[in-house]
Amino acid sequence: MPHVVLDGNLNLKDLLRNFKRVSVRIDDAIIKLDELFINAAENRLLAKAVVVESGKPRSFYLDVMLKGSSITVRLDDLTMPEEKSDGVKLSIALVANLLKKHGDLKVSKTNIVDQLSKINIDV
């Protein structure tokens, strides 16, 4: 499964307070991040994503899990698209980039290096 693991500190409340909808075109994909949801324990975040490729929209959630100083960004098990296309992987990279802007984070593990480089994240 495509994922990014970030290490460091993240201010979730700052991220939620300053979140604005994101809509970008990368290569042949349009990626939108519409909403963020946080659980009561403030250790899990869901980001609603829509990816349009070849005129076909796919809607799903990205799961952001915080455990100590480690943050994992991956597809939500219940809503993940069957095809893990480049656009779907780019949406994970986009959320990782959003998190890096609100914390002191570095990528420690990933299996989507190509997509992270398109979003300008150092691996």
PDB file of N, CA and C in Angstrom:
ATOM      1  N   MET A   1       0.841  -1.175   0.000  1.00  0.00           N
ATOM      2  CA  MET A   1       0.000   0.000   0.000  1.00  0.00           C
ATOM      3  C   MET A   1       0.891   1.246   0.000  1.00  0.00           C
ATOM      4  N   PRO A   2       0.559   2.253  -0.808  1.00  0.00           N
ATOM      5  CA  PRO A   2       1.363   3.479  -0.823  1.00  0.00           C
ATOM      6  C   PRO A   2       1.268   4.218   0.516  1.00  0.00           C
ATOM      7  N   HIS A   3       2.419   4.731   0.984  1.00  0.00           N
ATOM      8  CA  HIS A   3       2.423   5.430   2.268  1.00  0.00           C
ATOM      9  C   HIS A   3       3.643   6.328   2.387  1.00  0.00           C
ATOM     10  N   VAL A   4       3.565   7.232   3.365  1.00  0.00           N
ATOM     11  CA  VAL A   4       4.692   8.078   3.753  1.00  0.00           C
ATOM     12  C   VAL A   4       4.728   8.089   5.274  1.00  0.00           C
ATOM     13  N   VAL A   5       5.909   7.887   5.846  1.00  0.00           N
ATOM     14  CA  VAL A   5       6.088   8.004   7.290  1.00  0.00           C
ATOM     15  C   VAL A   5       6.977   9.220   7.524  1.00  0.00           C
ATOM     16  N   LEU A   6       6.480  10.125   8.364  1.00  0.00           N
ATOM     17  CA  LEU A   6       7.208  11.348   8.719  1.00  0.00           C
ATOM     18  C   LEU A   6       7.597  11.268  10.182  1.00  0.00           C
ATOM     19  N   ASP A   7       8.763  11.785  10.518  1.00  0.00           N
ATOM     20  CA  ASP A   7       9.202  11.856  11.910  1.00  0.00           C
ATOM     21  C   ASP A   7       9.375  13.310  12.303  1.00  0.00           C
ATOM     22  N   GLY A   8       8.948  13.617  13.519  1.00  0.00           N
ATOM     23  CA  GLY A   8       9.093  14.970  14.044  1.00  0.00           C
ATOM     24  C   GLY A   8       7.850  15.402  14.793  1.00  0.00           C
ATOM     25  N   ASN A   9       7.693  16.708  14.922  1.00  0.00           N
ATOM     26  CA  ASN A   9       6.566  17.265  15.674  1.00  0.00           C
ATOM     27  C   ASN A   9       5.575  17.938  14.736  1.00  0.00           C
ATOM     28  N   LEU A  10       4.289  17.774  15.047  1.00  0.00           N
ATOM     29  CA  LEU A  10       3.218  18.348  14.244  1.00  0.00           C
ATOM     30  C   LEU A  10       2.201  19.008  15.163  1.00  0.00           C
ATOM     31  N   ASN A  11       1.790  20.224  14.812  1.00  0.00           N
ATOM     32  CA  ASN A  11       0.747  20.923  15.551  1.00  0.00           C
ATOM     33  C   ASN A  11      -0.575  20.714  14.810  1.00  0.00           C
ATOM     34  N   LEU A  12      -1.336  19.688  15.219  1.00  0.00           N
ATOM     35  CA  LEU A  12      -2.601  19.368  14.545  1.00  0.00           C
ATOM     36  C   LEU A  12      -3.622  20.489  14.647  1.00  0.00           C
ATOM     37  N   LYS A  13      -3.691  21.119  15.799  1.00  0.00           N
ATOM     38  CA  LYS A  13      -4.663  22.205  15.975  1.00  0.00           C
ATOM     39  C   LYS A  13      -4.357  23.362  15.026  1.00  0.00           C
ATOM     40  N   ASP A  14      -3.083  23.683  14.851  1.00  0.00           N
ATOM     41  CA  ASP A  14      -2.677  24.725  13.913  1.00  0.00           C
ATOM     42  C   ASP A  14      -3.052  24.330  12.484  1.00  0.00           C
ATOM     43  N   LEU A  15      -2.817  23.079  12.138  1.00  0.00           N
ATOM     44  CA  LEU A  15      -3.176  22.577  10.815  1.00  0.00           C
ATOM     45  C   LEU A  15      -4.673  22.713  10.566  1.00  0.00           C
ATOM     46  N   LEU A  16      -5.482  22.281  11.512  1.00  0.00           N
ATOM     47  CA  LEU A  16      -6.944  22.359  11.353  1.00  0.00           C
ATOM     48  C   LEU A  16      -7.424  23.806  11.282  1.00  0.00           C
ATOM     49  N   ARG A  17      -6.865  24.644  12.114  1.00  0.00           N
ATOM     50  CA  ARG A  17      -7.284  26.050  12.176  1.00  0.00           C
ATOM     51  C   ARG A  17      -6.967  26.781  10.865  1.00  0.00           C
ATOM     52  N   ASN A  18      -5.856  26.440  10.242  1.00  0.00           N
ATOM     53  CA  ASN A  18      -5.415  27.157   9.049  1.00  0.00           C
ATOM     54  C   ASN A  18      -5.670  26.420   7.737  1.00  0.00           C
ATOM     55  N   PHE A  19      -6.368  25.292   7.795  1.00  0.00           N
ATOM     56  CA  PHE A  19      -6.592  24.507   6.572  1.00  0.00           C
ATOM     57  C   PHE A  19      -7.514  25.242   5.603  1.00  0.00           C
ATOM     58  N   LYS A  20      -7.082  25.265   4.354  1.00  0.00           N
ATOM     59  CA  LYS A  20      -7.909  25.790   3.268  1.00  0.00           C
ATOM     60  C   LYS A  20      -7.959  24.709   2.205  1.00  0.00           C
ATOM     61  N   ARG A  21      -9.086  24.609   1.529  1.00  0.00           N
ATOM     62  CA  ARG A  21      -9.214  23.601   0.477  1.00  0.00           C
ATOM     63  C   ARG A  21      -8.072  23.708  -0.514  1.00  0.00           C
ATOM     64  N   VAL A  22      -7.608  22.553  -0.964  1.00  0.00           N
ATOM     65  CA  VAL A  22      -6.491  22.481  -1.896  1.00  0.00           C
ATOM     66  C   VAL A  22      -6.986  21.882  -3.203  1.00  0.00           C
ATOM     67  N   SER A  23      -6.599  22.481  -4.301  1.00  0.00           N
ATOM     68  CA  SER A  23      -6.917  21.942  -5.619  1.00  0.00           C
ATOM     69  C   SER A  23      -5.716  22.205  -6.524  1.00  0.00           C
ATOM     70  N   VAL A  24      -5.080  21.117  -6.997  1.00  0.00           N
ATOM     71  CA  VAL A  24      -3.888  21.256  -7.835  1.00  0.00           C
ATOM     72  C   VAL A  24      -3.966  20.314  -9.032  1.00  0.00           C
ATOM     73  N   ARG A  25      -3.261  20.702 -10.087  1.00  0.00           N
ATOM     74  CA  ARG A  25      -3.095  19.830 -11.253  1.00  0.00           C
ATOM     75  C   ARG A  25      -1.628  19.436 -11.302  1.00  0.00           C
ATOM     76  N   ILE A  26      -1.394  18.132 -11.313  1.00  0.00           N
ATOM     77  CA  ILE A  26      -0.048  17.597 -11.409  1.00  0.00           C
ATOM     78  C   ILE A  26      -0.072  16.534 -12.498  1.00  0.00           C
ATOM     79  N   ASP A  27       0.759  16.738 -13.503  1.00  0.00           N
ATOM     80  CA  ASP A  27       0.755  15.867 -14.672  1.00  0.00           C
ATOM     81  C   ASP A  27      -0.665  15.818 -15.241  1.00  0.00           C
ATOM     82  N   ASP A  28      -1.250  14.634 -15.340  1.00  0.00           N
ATOM     83  CA  ASP A  28      -2.597  14.493 -15.907  1.00  0.00           C
ATOM     84  C   ASP A  28      -3.668  14.341 -14.832  1.00  0.00           C
ATOM     85  N   ALA A  29      -3.342  14.634 -13.601  1.00  0.00           N
ATOM     86  CA  ALA A  29      -4.289  14.445 -12.497  1.00  0.00           C
ATOM     87  C   ALA A  29      -4.681  15.771 -11.862  1.00  0.00           C
ATOM     88  N   ILE A  30      -5.941  15.851 -11.466  1.00  0.00           N
ATOM     89  CA  ILE A  30      -6.421  16.958 -10.639  1.00  0.00           C
ATOM     90  C   ILE A  30      -6.676  16.361  -9.263  1.00  0.00           C
ATOM     91  N   ILE A  31      -6.099  16.986  -8.246  1.00  0.00           N
ATOM     92  CA  ILE A  31      -6.220  16.480  -6.881  1.00  0.00           C
ATOM     93  C   ILE A  31      -6.836  17.560  -6.011  1.00  0.00           C
ATOM     94  N   LYS A  32      -7.884  17.182  -5.282  1.00  0.00           N
ATOM     95  CA  LYS A  32      -8.552  18.111  -4.371  1.00  0.00           C
ATOM     96  C   LYS A  32      -8.572  17.518  -2.971  1.00  0.00           C
ATOM     97  N   LEU A  33      -8.243  18.345  -1.993  1.00  0.00           N
ATOM     98  CA  LEU A  33      -8.396  17.998  -0.587  1.00  0.00           C
ATOM     99  C   LEU A  33      -9.459  18.940  -0.045  1.00  0.00           C
ATOM    100  N   ASP A  34     -10.602  18.390   0.350  1.00  0.00           N
ATOM    101  CA  ASP A  34     -11.749  19.218   0.726  1.00  0.00           C
ATOM    102  C   ASP A  34     -11.898  19.467   2.215  1.00  0.00           C
ATOM    103  N   GLU A  35     -11.774  18.426   3.017  1.00  0.00           N
ATOM    104  CA  GLU A  35     -12.062  18.552   4.437  1.00  0.00           C
ATOM    105  C   GLU A  35     -11.088  17.718   5.252  1.00  0.00           C
ATOM    106  N   LEU A  36     -10.875  18.142   6.491  1.00  0.00           N
ATOM    107  CA  LEU A  36     -10.082  17.380   7.445  1.00  0.00           C
ATOM    108  C   LEU A  36     -10.953  17.066   8.650  1.00  0.00           C
ATOM    109  N   PHE A  37     -10.826  15.851   9.162  1.00  0.00           N
ATOM    110  CA  PHE A  37     -11.557  15.428  10.353  1.00  0.00           C
ATOM    111  C   PHE A  37     -10.554  14.855  11.339  1.00  0.00           C
ATOM    112  N   ILE A  38     -10.713  15.202  12.612  1.00  0.00           N
ATOM    113  CA  ILE A  38      -9.803  14.708  13.640  1.00  0.00           C
ATOM    114  C   ILE A  38     -10.602  13.956  14.701  1.00  0.00           C
ATOM    115  N   ASN A  39     -10.020  12.895  15.249  1.00  0.00           N
ATOM    116  CA  ASN A  39     -10.724  12.149  16.292  1.00  0.00           C
ATOM    117  C   ASN A  39     -10.566  12.842  17.647  1.00  0.00           C
ATOM    118  N   ALA A  40     -11.318  12.397  18.619  1.00  0.00           N
ATOM    119  CA  ALA A  40     -11.326  13.037  19.942  1.00  0.00           C
ATOM    120  C   ALA A  40      -9.970  12.936  20.641  1.00  0.00           C
ATOM    121  N   ALA A  41      -9.251  11.853  20.417  1.00  0.00           N
ATOM    122  CA  ALA A  41      -7.943  11.671  21.053  1.00  0.00           C
ATOM    123  C   ALA A  41      -6.845  12.496  20.370  1.00  0.00           C
ATOM    124  N   GLU A  42      -7.168  13.125  19.259  1.00  0.00           N
ATOM    125  CA  GLU A  42      -6.242  13.956  18.484  1.00  0.00           C
ATOM    126  C   GLU A  42      -4.986  13.202  18.050  1.00  0.00           C
ATOM    127  N   ASN A  43      -5.182  11.920  17.693  1.00  0.00           N
ATOM    128  CA  ASN A  43      -4.053  11.136  17.193  1.00  0.00           C
ATOM    129  C   ASN A  43      -4.343  10.520  15.824  1.00  0.00           C
ATOM    130  N   ARG A  44      -5.463  10.909  15.245  1.00  0.00           N
ATOM    131  CA  ARG A  44      -5.826  10.408  13.926  1.00  0.00           C
ATOM    132  C   ARG A  44      -6.592  11.475  13.165  1.00  0.00           C
ATOM    133  N   LEU A  45      -6.256  11.598  11.890  1.00  0.00           N
ATOM    134  CA  LEU A  45      -6.857  12.616  11.037  1.00  0.00           C
ATOM    135  C   LEU A  45      -7.279  11.952   9.734  1.00  0.00           C
ATOM    136  N   LEU A  46      -8.445  12.324   9.231  1.00  0.00           N
ATOM    137  CA  LEU A  46      -8.884  11.879   7.911  1.00  0.00           C
ATOM    138  C   LEU A  46      -8.958  13.098   7.005  1.00  0.00           C
ATOM    139  N   ALA A  47      -8.430  12.949   5.802  1.00  0.00           N
ATOM    140  CA  ALA A  47      -8.489  14.017   4.802  1.00  0.00           C
ATOM    141  C   ALA A  47      -9.319  13.507   3.631  1.00  0.00           C
ATOM    142  N   LYS A  48     -10.381  14.236   3.286  1.00  0.00           N
ATOM    143  CA  LYS A  48     -11.223  13.844   2.156  1.00  0.00           C
ATOM    144  C   LYS A  48     -10.534  14.270   0.868  1.00  0.00           C
ATOM    145  N   ALA A  49     -10.334  13.307  -0.037  1.00  0.00           N
ATOM    146  CA  ALA A  49      -9.628  13.575  -1.287  1.00  0.00           C
ATOM    147  C   ALA A  49     -10.487  13.173  -2.482  1.00  0.00           C
ATOM    148  N   VAL A  50     -10.341  13.941  -3.567  1.00  0.00           N
ATOM    149  CA  VAL A  50     -10.931  13.588  -4.854  1.00  0.00           C
ATOM    150  C   VAL A  50      -9.814  13.700  -5.880  1.00  0.00           C
ATOM    151  N   VAL A  51      -9.634  12.638  -6.654  1.00  0.00           N
ATOM    152  CA  VAL A  51      -8.629  12.615  -7.709  1.00  0.00           C
ATOM    153  C   VAL A  51      -9.353  12.386  -9.025  1.00  0.00           C
ATOM    154  N   VAL A  52      -9.068  13.252 -10.000  1.00  0.00           N
ATOM    155  CA  VAL A  52      -9.658  13.109 -11.330  1.00  0.00           C
ATOM    156  C   VAL A  52      -8.533  12.790 -12.307  1.00  0.00           C
ATOM    157  N   GLU A  53      -8.638  11.626 -12.924  1.00  0.00           N
ATOM    158  CA  GLU A  53      -7.680  11.204 -13.950  1.00  0.00           C
ATOM    159  C   GLU A  53      -8.466  10.681 -15.141  1.00  0.00           C
ATOM    160  N   SER A  54      -8.076  11.095 -16.330  1.00  0.00           N
ATOM    161  CA  SER A  54      -8.758  10.689 -17.568  1.00  0.00           C
ATOM    162  C   SER A  54     -10.258  10.970 -17.486  1.00  0.00           C
ATOM    163  N   GLY A  55     -10.622  12.080 -16.848  1.00  0.00           N
ATOM    164  CA  GLY A  55     -12.021  12.472 -16.726  1.00  0.00           C
ATOM    165  C   GLY A  55     -12.827  11.640 -15.747  1.00  0.00           C
ATOM    166  N   LYS A  56     -12.173  10.755 -15.029  1.00  0.00           N
ATOM    167  CA  LYS A  56     -12.848   9.855 -14.088  1.00  0.00           C
ATOM    168  C   LYS A  56     -12.520  10.250 -12.643  1.00  0.00           C
ATOM    169  N   PRO A  57     -13.516  10.736 -11.888  1.00  0.00           N
ATOM    170  CA  PRO A  57     -13.246  11.126 -10.498  1.00  0.00           C
ATOM    171  C   PRO A  57     -13.288   9.924  -9.548  1.00  0.00           C
ATOM    172  N   ARG A  58     -12.390   9.965  -8.561  1.00  0.00           N
ATOM    173  CA  ARG A  58     -12.379   8.976  -7.480  1.00  0.00           C
ATOM    174  C   ARG A  58     -12.346   9.726  -6.163  1.00  0.00           C
ATOM    175  N   SER A  59     -13.251   9.367  -5.267  1.00  0.00           N
ATOM    176  CA  SER A  59     -13.325  10.010  -3.963  1.00  0.00           C
ATOM    177  C   SER A  59     -12.943   8.991  -2.892  1.00  0.00           C
ATOM    178  N   PHE A  60     -12.098   9.403  -1.942  1.00  0.00           N
ATOM    179  CA  PHE A  60     -11.643   8.507  -0.890  1.00  0.00           C
ATOM    180  C   PHE A  60     -11.078   9.353   0.248  1.00  0.00           C
ATOM    181  N   TYR A  61     -10.698   8.693   1.319  1.00  0.00           N
ATOM    182  CA  TYR A  61     -10.092   9.377   2.458  1.00  0.00           C
ATOM    183  C   TYR A  61      -8.650   8.931   2.636  1.00  0.00           C
ATOM    184  N   LEU A  62      -7.833   9.864   3.093  1.00  0.00           N
ATOM    185  CA  LEU A  62      -6.456   9.581   3.462  1.00  0.00           C
ATOM    186  C   LEU A  62      -6.376   9.562   4.983  1.00  0.00           C
ATOM    187  N   ASP A  63      -5.709   8.571   5.506  1.00  0.00           N
ATOM    188  CA  ASP A  63      -5.607   8.339   6.939  1.00  0.00           C
ATOM    189  C   ASP A  63      -4.254   8.828   7.434  1.00  0.00           C
ATOM    190  N   VAL A  64      -4.273   9.741   8.399  1.00  0.00           N
ATOM    191  CA  VAL A  64      -3.047  10.266   9.004  1.00  0.00           C
ATOM    192  C   VAL A  64      -3.036   9.802  10.456  1.00  0.00           C
ATOM    193  N   MET A  65      -2.057   8.952  10.798  1.00  0.00           N
ATOM    194  CA  MET A  65      -1.985   8.385  12.141  1.00  0.00           C
ATOM    195  C   MET A  65      -0.755   8.908  12.863  1.00  0.00           C
ATOM    196  N   LEU A  66      -0.954   9.450  14.062  1.00  0.00           N
ATOM    197  CA  LEU A  66       0.138   9.957  14.889  1.00  0.00           C
ATOM    198  C   LEU A  66       0.418   8.962  15.998  1.00  0.00           C
ATOM    199  N   LYS A  67       1.682   8.589  16.128  1.00  0.00           N
ATOM    200  CA  LYS A  67       2.090   7.681  17.200  1.00  0.00           C
ATOM    201  C   LYS A  67       3.454   8.146  17.684  1.00  0.00           C
ATOM    202  N   GLY A  68       3.475   8.822  18.812  1.00  0.00           N
ATOM    203  CA  GLY A  68       4.718   9.403  19.315  1.00  0.00           C
ATOM    204  C   GLY A  68       5.174  10.498  18.364  1.00  0.00           C
ATOM    205  N   SER A  69       6.405  10.396  17.891  1.00  0.00           N
ATOM    206  CA  SER A  69       6.918  11.399  16.954  1.00  0.00           C
ATOM    207  C   SER A  69       6.861  10.893  15.511  1.00  0.00           C
ATOM    208  N   SER A  70       6.095   9.829  15.284  1.00  0.00           N
ATOM    209  CA  SER A  70       5.968   9.251  13.952  1.00  0.00           C
ATOM    210  C   SER A  70       4.553   9.497  13.410  1.00  0.00           C
ATOM    211  N   ILE A  71       4.476   9.912  12.148  1.00  0.00           N
ATOM    212  CA  ILE A  71       3.194  10.204  11.510  1.00  0.00           C
ATOM    213  C   ILE A  71       3.142   9.427  10.201  1.00  0.00           C
ATOM    214  N   THR A  72       2.109   8.600  10.037  1.00  0.00           N
ATOM    215  CA  THR A  72       1.956   7.807   8.824  1.00  0.00           C
ATOM    216  C   THR A  72       0.783   8.339   8.016  1.00  0.00           C
ATOM    217  N   VAL A  73       1.017   8.557   6.721  1.00  0.00           N
ATOM    218  CA  VAL A  73      -0.023   8.984   5.793  1.00  0.00           C
ATOM    219  C   VAL A  73      -0.244   7.836   4.815  1.00  0.00           C
ATOM    220  N   ARG A  74      -1.481   7.350   4.755  1.00  0.00           N
ATOM    221  CA  ARG A  74      -1.803   6.238   3.861  1.00  0.00           C
ATOM    222  C   ARG A  74      -3.272   6.309   3.465  1.00  0.00           C
ATOM    223  N   LEU A  75      -3.692   5.402   2.606  1.00  0.00           N
ATOM    224  CA  LEU A  75      -5.092   5.343   2.198  1.00  0.00           C
ATOM    225  C   LEU A  75      -5.924   4.730   3.313  1.00  0.00           C
ATOM    226  N   ASP A  76      -7.132   5.255   3.504  1.00  0.00           N
ATOM    227  CA  ASP A  76      -8.061   4.692   4.470  1.00  0.00           C
ATOM    228  C   ASP A  76      -8.522   3.325   3.970  1.00  0.00           C
ATOM    229  N   ASP A  77      -8.506   2.331   4.844  1.00  0.00           N
ATOM    230  CA  ASP A  77      -8.857   0.961   4.468  1.00  0.00           C
ATOM    231  C   ASP A  77     -10.267   0.823   3.890  1.00  0.00           C
ATOM    232  N   LEU A  78     -11.220   1.562   4.418  1.00  0.00           N
ATOM    233  CA  LEU A  78     -12.617   1.406   4.001  1.00  0.00           C
ATOM    234  C   LEU A  78     -12.955   2.097   2.686  1.00  0.00           C
ATOM    235  N   THR A  79     -12.203   3.133   2.333  1.00  0.00           N
ATOM    236  CA  THR A  79     -12.567   3.918   1.147  1.00  0.00           C
ATOM    237  C   THR A  79     -11.520   3.890   0.038  1.00  0.00           C
ATOM    238  N   MET A  80     -10.432   3.146   0.227  1.00  0.00           N
ATOM    239  CA  MET A  80      -9.336   3.192  -0.749  1.00  0.00           C
ATOM    240  C   MET A  80      -9.785   2.696  -2.123  1.00  0.00           C
ATOM    241  N   PRO A  81      -9.336   3.400  -3.164  1.00  0.00           N
ATOM    242  CA  PRO A  81      -9.645   2.954  -4.521  1.00  0.00           C
ATOM    243  C   PRO A  81      -8.911   1.645  -4.834  1.00  0.00           C
ATOM    244  N   GLU A  82      -9.521   0.824  -5.685  1.00  0.00           N
ATOM    245  CA  GLU A  82      -8.877  -0.435  -6.064  1.00  0.00           C
ATOM    246  C   GLU A  82      -7.559  -0.180  -6.771  1.00  0.00           C
ATOM    247  N   GLU A  83      -7.567   0.772  -7.706  1.00  0.00           N
ATOM    248  CA  GLU A  83      -6.353   1.089  -8.445  1.00  0.00           C
ATOM    249  C   GLU A  83      -5.573   2.173  -7.710  1.00  0.00           C
ATOM    250  N   LYS A  84      -4.340   1.866  -7.377  1.00  0.00           N
ATOM    251  CA  LYS A  84      -3.472   2.844  -6.710  1.00  0.00           C
ATOM    252  C   LYS A  84      -2.709   3.593  -7.798  1.00  0.00           C
ATOM    253  N   SER A  85      -3.412   4.446  -8.524  1.00  0.00           N
ATOM    254  CA  SER A  85      -2.862   5.179  -9.666  1.00  0.00           C
ATOM    255  C   SER A  85      -1.873   6.247  -9.205  1.00  0.00           C
ATOM    256  N   ASP A  86      -1.213   6.854 -10.176  1.00  0.00           N
ATOM    257  CA  ASP A  86      -0.264   7.922  -9.871  1.00  0.00           C
ATOM    258  C   ASP A  86      -0.971   9.079  -9.156  1.00  0.00           C
ATOM    259  N   GLY A  87      -2.179   9.422  -9.584  1.00  0.00           N
ATOM    260  CA  GLY A  87      -2.929  10.499  -8.939  1.00  0.00           C
ATOM    261  C   GLY A  87      -3.262  10.193  -7.493  1.00  0.00           C
ATOM    262  N   VAL A  88      -3.613   8.943  -7.205  1.00  0.00           N
ATOM    263  CA  VAL A  88      -3.909   8.525  -5.826  1.00  0.00           C
ATOM    264  C   VAL A  88      -2.645   8.651  -4.980  1.00  0.00           C
ATOM    265  N   LYS A  89      -1.515   8.211  -5.513  1.00  0.00           N
ATOM    266  CA  LYS A  89      -0.242   8.329  -4.778  1.00  0.00           C
ATOM    267  C   LYS A  89       0.152   9.792  -4.602  1.00  0.00           C
ATOM    268  N   LEU A  90      -0.122  10.618  -5.613  1.00  0.00           N
ATOM    269  CA  LEU A  90       0.166  12.049  -5.503  1.00  0.00           C
ATOM    270  C   LEU A  90      -0.658  12.694  -4.397  1.00  0.00           C
ATOM    271  N   SER A  91      -1.883  12.211  -4.171  1.00  0.00           N
ATOM    272  CA  SER A  91      -2.708  12.775  -3.098  1.00  0.00           C
ATOM    273  C   SER A  91      -2.076  12.502  -1.732  1.00  0.00           C
ATOM    274  N   ILE A  92      -1.453  11.341  -1.567  1.00  0.00           N
ATOM    275  CA  ILE A  92      -0.744  11.025  -0.319  1.00  0.00           C
ATOM    276  C   ILE A  92       0.441  11.972  -0.158  1.00  0.00           C
ATOM    277  N   ALA A  93       1.180  12.187  -1.246  1.00  0.00           N
ATOM    278  CA  ALA A  93       2.323  13.111  -1.214  1.00  0.00           C
ATOM    279  C   ALA A  93       1.862  14.529  -0.888  1.00  0.00           C
ATOM    280  N   LEU A  94       0.715  14.926  -1.420  1.00  0.00           N
ATOM    281  CA  LEU A  94       0.185  16.263  -1.166  1.00  0.00           C
ATOM    282  C   LEU A  94      -0.156  16.448   0.318  1.00  0.00           C
ATOM    283  N   VAL A  95      -0.752  15.437   0.941  1.00  0.00           N
ATOM    284  CA  VAL A  95      -1.059  15.512   2.373  1.00  0.00           C
ATOM    285  C   VAL A  95       0.237  15.542   3.183  1.00  0.00           C
ATOM    286  N   ALA A  96       1.231  14.755   2.803  1.00  0.00           N
ATOM    287  CA  ALA A  96       2.518  14.788   3.501  1.00  0.00           C
ATOM    288  C   ALA A  96       3.132  16.179   3.417  1.00  0.00           C
ATOM    289  N   ASN A  97       3.027  16.807   2.257  1.00  0.00           N
ATOM    290  CA  ASN A  97       3.539  18.168   2.085  1.00  0.00           C
ATOM    291  C   ASN A  97       2.779  19.153   2.979  1.00  0.00           C
ATOM    292  N   LEU A  98       1.484  19.012   3.053  1.00  0.00           N
ATOM    293  CA  LEU A  98       0.653  19.860   3.911  1.00  0.00           C
ATOM    294  C   LEU A  98       1.073  19.713   5.376  1.00  0.00           C
ATOM    295  N   LEU A  99       1.320  18.486   5.802  1.00  0.00           N
ATOM    296  CA  LEU A  99       1.754  18.247   7.179  1.00  0.00           C
ATOM    297  C   LEU A  99       3.112  18.886   7.449  1.00  0.00           C
ATOM    298  N   LYS A 100       4.030  18.761   6.487  1.00  0.00           N
ATOM    299  CA  LYS A 100       5.375  19.343   6.660  1.00  0.00           C
ATOM    300  C   LYS A 100       5.313  20.855   6.837  1.00  0.00           C
ATOM    301  N   LYS A 101       4.322  21.500   6.232  1.00  0.00           N
ATOM    302  CA  LYS A 101       4.187  22.951   6.361  1.00  0.00           C
ATOM    303  C   LYS A 101       3.722  23.363   7.761  1.00  0.00           C
ATOM    304  N   HIS A 102       3.163  22.418   8.521  1.00  0.00           N
ATOM    305  CA  HIS A 102       2.642  22.725   9.860  1.00  0.00           C
ATOM    306  C   HIS A 102       3.423  22.027  10.964  1.00  0.00           C
ATOM    307  N   GLY A 103       4.609  21.568  10.647  1.00  0.00           N
ATOM    308  CA  GLY A 103       5.408  20.907  11.669  1.00  0.00           C
ATOM    309  C   GLY A 103       6.858  20.802  11.236  1.00  0.00           C
ATOM    310  N   ASP A 104       7.672  20.354  12.151  1.00  0.00           N
ATOM    311  CA  ASP A 104       9.086  20.128  11.884  1.00  0.00           C
ATOM    312  C   ASP A 104       9.238  18.639  11.579  1.00  0.00           C
ATOM    313  N   LEU A 105       9.026  18.271  10.311  1.00  0.00           N
ATOM    314  CA  LEU A 105       8.938  16.865   9.922  1.00  0.00           C
ATOM    315  C   LEU A 105       9.907  16.519   8.806  1.00  0.00           C
ATOM    316  N   LYS A 106      10.368  15.267   8.837  1.00  0.00           N
ATOM    317  CA  LYS A 106      11.218  14.722   7.778  1.00  0.00           C
ATOM    318  C   LYS A 106      10.682  13.355   7.384  1.00  0.00           C
ATOM    319  N   VAL A 107      10.779  13.039   6.101  1.00  0.00           N
ATOM    320  CA  VAL A 107      10.350  11.733   5.615  1.00  0.00           C
ATOM    321  C   VAL A 107      11.345  10.680   6.096  1.00  0.00           C
ATOM    322  N   SER A 108      10.840   9.626   6.764  1.00  0.00           N
ATOM    323  CA  SER A 108      11.727   8.548   7.215  1.00  0.00           C
ATOM    324  C   SER A 108      11.539   7.274   6.401  1.00  0.00           C
ATOM    325  N   LYS A 109      10.318   7.038   5.889  1.00  0.00           N
ATOM    326  CA  LYS A 109      10.045   5.858   5.068  1.00  0.00           C
ATOM    327  C   LYS A 109       8.964   6.211   4.055  1.00  0.00           C
ATOM    328  N   THR A 110       9.075   5.610   2.880  1.00  0.00           N
ATOM    329  CA  THR A 110       8.033   5.796   1.875  1.00  0.00           C
ATOM    330  C   THR A 110       8.214   4.785   0.752  1.00  0.00           C
ATOM    331  N   ASN A 111       7.148   4.545   0.032  1.00  0.00           N
ATOM    332  CA  ASN A 111       7.247   3.752  -1.189  1.00  0.00           C
ATOM    333  C   ASN A 111       6.673   4.537  -2.373  1.00  0.00           C
ATOM    334  N   ILE A 112       6.631   5.879  -2.233  1.00  0.00           N
ATOM    335  CA  ILE A 112       6.164   6.746  -3.324  1.00  0.00           C
ATOM    336  C   ILE A 112       7.158   7.891  -3.560  1.00  0.00           C
ATOM    337  N   VAL A 113       8.419   7.541  -3.702  1.00  0.00           N
ATOM    338  CA  VAL A 113       9.487   8.528  -3.878  1.00  0.00           C
ATOM    339  C   VAL A 113       9.231   9.410  -5.101  1.00  0.00           C
ATOM    340  N   ASP A 114       8.822   8.817  -6.227  1.00  0.00           N
ATOM    341  CA  ASP A 114       8.589   9.598  -7.449  1.00  0.00           C
ATOM    342  C   ASP A 114       7.517  10.664  -7.242  1.00  0.00           C
ATOM    343  N   GLN A 115       6.443  10.307  -6.571  1.00  0.00           N
ATOM    344  CA  GLN A 115       5.349  11.259  -6.343  1.00  0.00           C
ATOM    345  C   GLN A 115       5.762  12.348  -5.359  1.00  0.00           C
ATOM    346  N   LEU A 116       6.540  12.005  -4.353  1.00  0.00           N
ATOM    347  CA  LEU A 116       7.011  13.016  -3.403  1.00  0.00           C
ATOM    348  C   LEU A 116       7.888  14.041  -4.114  1.00  0.00           C
ATOM    349  N   SER A 117       8.706  13.593  -5.040  1.00  0.00           N
ATOM    350  CA  SER A 117       9.572  14.526  -5.762  1.00  0.00           C
ATOM    351  C   SER A 117       8.761  15.480  -6.622  1.00  0.00           C
ATOM    352  N   LYS A 118       7.604  15.054  -7.113  1.00  0.00           N
ATOM    353  CA  LYS A 118       6.743  15.931  -7.912  1.00  0.00           C
ATOM    354  C   LYS A 118       6.083  17.001  -7.055  1.00  0.00           C
ATOM    355  N   ILE A 119       5.970  16.743  -5.752  1.00  0.00           N
ATOM    356  CA  ILE A 119       5.390  17.698  -4.807  1.00  0.00           C
ATOM    357  C   ILE A 119       6.522  18.497  -4.139  1.00  0.00           C
ATOM    358  N   ASN A 120       7.766  18.202  -4.493  1.00  0.00           N
ATOM    359  CA  ASN A 120       8.953  18.872  -3.943  1.00  0.00           C
ATOM    360  C   ASN A 120       9.212  18.551  -2.478  1.00  0.00           C
ATOM    361  N   ILE A 121       9.132  17.281  -2.135  1.00  0.00           N
ATOM    362  CA  ILE A 121       9.474  16.835  -0.784  1.00  0.00           C
ATOM    363  C   ILE A 121      10.777  16.048  -0.870  1.00  0.00           C
ATOM    364  N   ASP A 122      11.736  16.411  -0.020  1.00  0.00           N
ATOM    365  CA  ASP A 122      13.001  15.689   0.021  1.00  0.00           C
ATOM    366  C   ASP A 122      12.820  14.357   0.740  1.00  0.00           C
ATOM    367  N   VAL A 123      13.398  13.320   0.164  1.00  0.00           N
ATOM    368  CA  VAL A 123      13.306  11.991   0.767  1.00  0.00           C
ATOM    369  C   VAL A 123      14.650  11.592   1.317  1.00  0.00           C
TER     370      VAL A 123
END
